[in-house]
Amino acid sequence: MAVSDFSDDDGDGVMSEINMTPLVDVMLVLLIIFLVTVPVMQHAVKIDLPHASSQPEDVKPAHIDVSIRVDGTVLWGDQPVDDATLRAKIAGAAQATPQPELHLRADRKVPYERVADVMSAAQAGGLTRIGFVTKPTH
């Protein structure tokens, strides 16, 4: 039975240095590839565009405030309305250009069914932008 020692005297030991030559070769090849491909990726067509002096139109659509009180009363702005009047006002507002946003404010004690009824009326009337207004907590 032969027992070998771990000395490096005979030259058969494990090499502990990393050969950096292949790594440098690969990095140089990648550098050359990137230098060749970068100008190709910046493809641009040179054209003479016309000049215009207009400003972008920044028109904010109007908003409609609809509130629901705790007793279920619906307010259009500050005026109480019944369900038929609410549907008629929503249909009229949906015809406006640009279409206004509906800001829905509901008391926290209002049953969800009442809020869903108002949202359903807005959607059936043609209003596509509905936002809920809440009070932030601090």
Protein backbone atom coordinates (compact mmCIF):
# COMPACT_ATOMS: atom_id res chain seq x y z
CA MET A 1 0.00 0.00 0.00
CA ALA A 2 1.50 3.27 -1.11
CA VAL A 3 1.01 6.39 0.90
CA SER A 4 1.54 9.70 -0.86
CA ASP A 5 2.30 12.93 0.81
CA PHE A 6 0.91 16.29 -0.28
CA SER A 7 4.18 17.99 -1.00
CA ASP A 8 4.81 19.94 -4.21
CA ASP A 9 8.30 18.58 -4.65
CA ASP A 10 7.50 16.21 -7.50
CA GLY A 11 5.43 18.67 -9.60
CA ASP A 12 2.23 16.57 -9.63
CA GLY A 13 0.38 18.89 -7.23
CA VAL A 14 -2.71 20.92 -7.98
CA MET A 15 -2.08 24.17 -9.85
CA SER A 16 -3.38 27.05 -7.74
CA GLU A 17 -3.08 29.88 -10.31
CA ILE A 18 -5.76 30.80 -12.86
CA ASN A 19 -4.63 31.10 -16.45
CA MET A 20 -5.80 34.58 -17.51
CA THR A 21 -4.87 34.33 -21.19
CA PRO A 22 -8.15 32.71 -22.39
CA LEU A 23 -10.20 35.21 -20.37
CA VAL A 24 -8.36 38.16 -21.93
CA ASP A 25 -8.80 36.68 -25.41
CA VAL A 26 -12.55 36.27 -24.94
CA MET A 27 -12.90 39.80 -23.57
CA LEU A 28 -11.01 41.27 -26.55
CA VAL A 29 -13.22 39.37 -29.00
CA LEU A 30 -16.37 40.62 -27.23
CA LEU A 31 -15.03 44.18 -27.28
CA ILE A 32 -14.45 44.00 -31.03
CA ILE A 33 -17.94 42.54 -31.60
CA PHE A 34 -19.56 45.34 -29.59
CA LEU A 35 -17.53 48.00 -31.40
CA VAL A 36 -18.73 46.64 -34.74
CA THR A 37 -22.42 46.21 -33.77
CA VAL A 38 -23.04 49.51 -31.91
CA PRO A 39 -23.06 51.71 -35.07
CA VAL A 40 -25.51 49.29 -36.70
CA MET A 41 -27.94 49.57 -33.77
CA GLN A 42 -28.12 53.35 -34.14
CA HIS A 43 -30.00 53.20 -37.40
CA ALA A 44 -31.51 56.57 -38.25
CA VAL A 45 -33.03 57.98 -41.39
CA LYS A 46 -32.17 61.58 -42.13
CA ILE A 47 -35.22 63.50 -43.32
CA ASP A 48 -36.08 67.16 -43.37
CA LEU A 49 -39.18 67.55 -41.17
CA PRO A 50 -41.54 70.51 -41.50
CA HIS A 51 -41.62 73.09 -38.73
CA ALA A 52 -44.80 73.87 -36.79
CA SER A 53 -45.45 76.47 -34.13
CA SER A 54 -48.40 74.97 -32.31
CA GLN A 55 -48.62 74.22 -28.62
CA PRO A 56 -50.12 70.98 -27.32
CA GLU A 57 -53.68 71.43 -26.17
CA ASP A 58 -53.97 70.68 -22.49
CA VAL A 59 -57.71 70.66 -21.92
CA LYS A 60 -58.79 69.11 -18.67
CA PRO A 61 -62.27 67.62 -18.89
CA ALA A 62 -64.84 68.95 -16.51
CA HIS A 63 -65.86 66.84 -13.58
CA ILE A 64 -69.21 66.16 -12.03
CA ASP A 65 -69.50 65.68 -8.28
CA VAL A 66 -72.01 63.05 -7.23
CA SER A 67 -72.37 62.41 -3.51
CA ILE A 68 -74.28 59.75 -1.62
CA ARG A 69 -75.39 60.55 1.90
CA VAL A 70 -75.71 57.98 4.66
CA ASP A 71 -79.51 57.84 4.20
CA GLY A 72 -79.06 56.97 0.48
CA THR A 73 -79.86 60.44 -0.90
CA VAL A 74 -77.92 61.18 -4.09
CA LEU A 75 -76.64 64.73 -4.67
CA TRP A 76 -75.72 66.03 -8.14
CA GLY A 77 -73.33 68.79 -7.21
CA ASP A 78 -75.21 70.23 -4.22
CA GLN A 79 -78.76 69.45 -5.38
CA PRO A 80 -80.56 66.27 -4.26
CA VAL A 81 -81.87 64.21 -7.19
CA ASP A 82 -83.99 61.09 -7.49
CA ASP A 83 -82.96 58.05 -9.55
CA ALA A 84 -84.80 59.10 -12.74
CA THR A 85 -83.31 62.60 -12.66
CA LEU A 86 -79.86 61.11 -11.96
CA ARG A 87 -80.11 58.88 -15.05
CA ALA A 88 -81.25 61.82 -17.19
CA LYS A 89 -78.40 64.05 -15.99
CA ILE A 90 -75.85 61.27 -16.57
CA ALA A 91 -77.14 60.72 -20.11
CA GLY A 92 -76.89 64.45 -20.79
CA ALA A 93 -73.37 64.65 -19.38
CA ALA A 94 -72.26 61.64 -21.45
CA GLN A 95 -73.11 63.55 -24.65
CA ALA A 96 -70.67 66.39 -23.83
CA THR A 97 -67.33 66.62 -25.63
CA PRO A 98 -64.91 65.99 -23.98
CA GLN A 99 -66.77 63.65 -21.72
CA PRO A 100 -66.65 64.77 -18.05
CA GLU A 101 -65.32 62.65 -15.22
CA LEU A 102 -67.74 61.49 -12.55
CA HIS A 103 -66.33 62.01 -9.05
CA LEU A 104 -68.26 59.75 -6.70
CA ARG A 105 -68.24 60.59 -3.00
CA ALA A 106 -70.00 58.19 -0.67
CA ASP A 107 -70.39 58.30 3.09
CA ARG A 108 -68.55 55.42 4.72
CA LYS A 109 -71.81 54.09 6.22
CA VAL A 110 -73.63 53.91 2.84
CA PRO A 111 -74.52 50.35 1.86
CA TYR A 112 -72.47 49.07 -1.07
CA GLU A 113 -75.67 48.32 -2.99
CA ARG A 114 -76.48 52.03 -3.23
CA VAL A 115 -72.99 52.86 -4.50
CA ALA A 116 -73.25 50.03 -7.03
CA ASP A 117 -76.63 51.40 -8.23
CA VAL A 118 -75.10 54.84 -8.93
CA MET A 119 -72.11 53.26 -10.69
CA SER A 120 -74.43 51.10 -12.77
CA ALA A 121 -76.50 54.14 -13.74
CA ALA A 122 -73.34 55.99 -14.79
CA GLN A 123 -72.12 53.07 -16.87
CA ALA A 124 -75.54 52.54 -18.47
CA GLY A 125 -75.77 56.27 -19.22
CA GLY A 126 -72.48 56.21 -21.14
CA LEU A 127 -70.00 57.74 -18.71
CA THR A 128 -66.70 55.89 -18.96
CA ARG A 129 -64.57 57.73 -16.43
CA ILE A 130 -65.62 57.27 -12.82
CA GLY A 131 -63.42 58.16 -9.86
CA PHE A 132 -63.91 57.56 -6.17
CA VAL A 133 -63.12 60.48 -3.90
CA THR A 134 -61.85 59.51 -0.46
CA LYS A 135 -60.44 61.33 2.53
CA PRO A 136 -56.77 60.53 3.12
CA THR A 137 -55.77 59.10 6.48
CA HIS A 138 -52.90 60.70 8.34
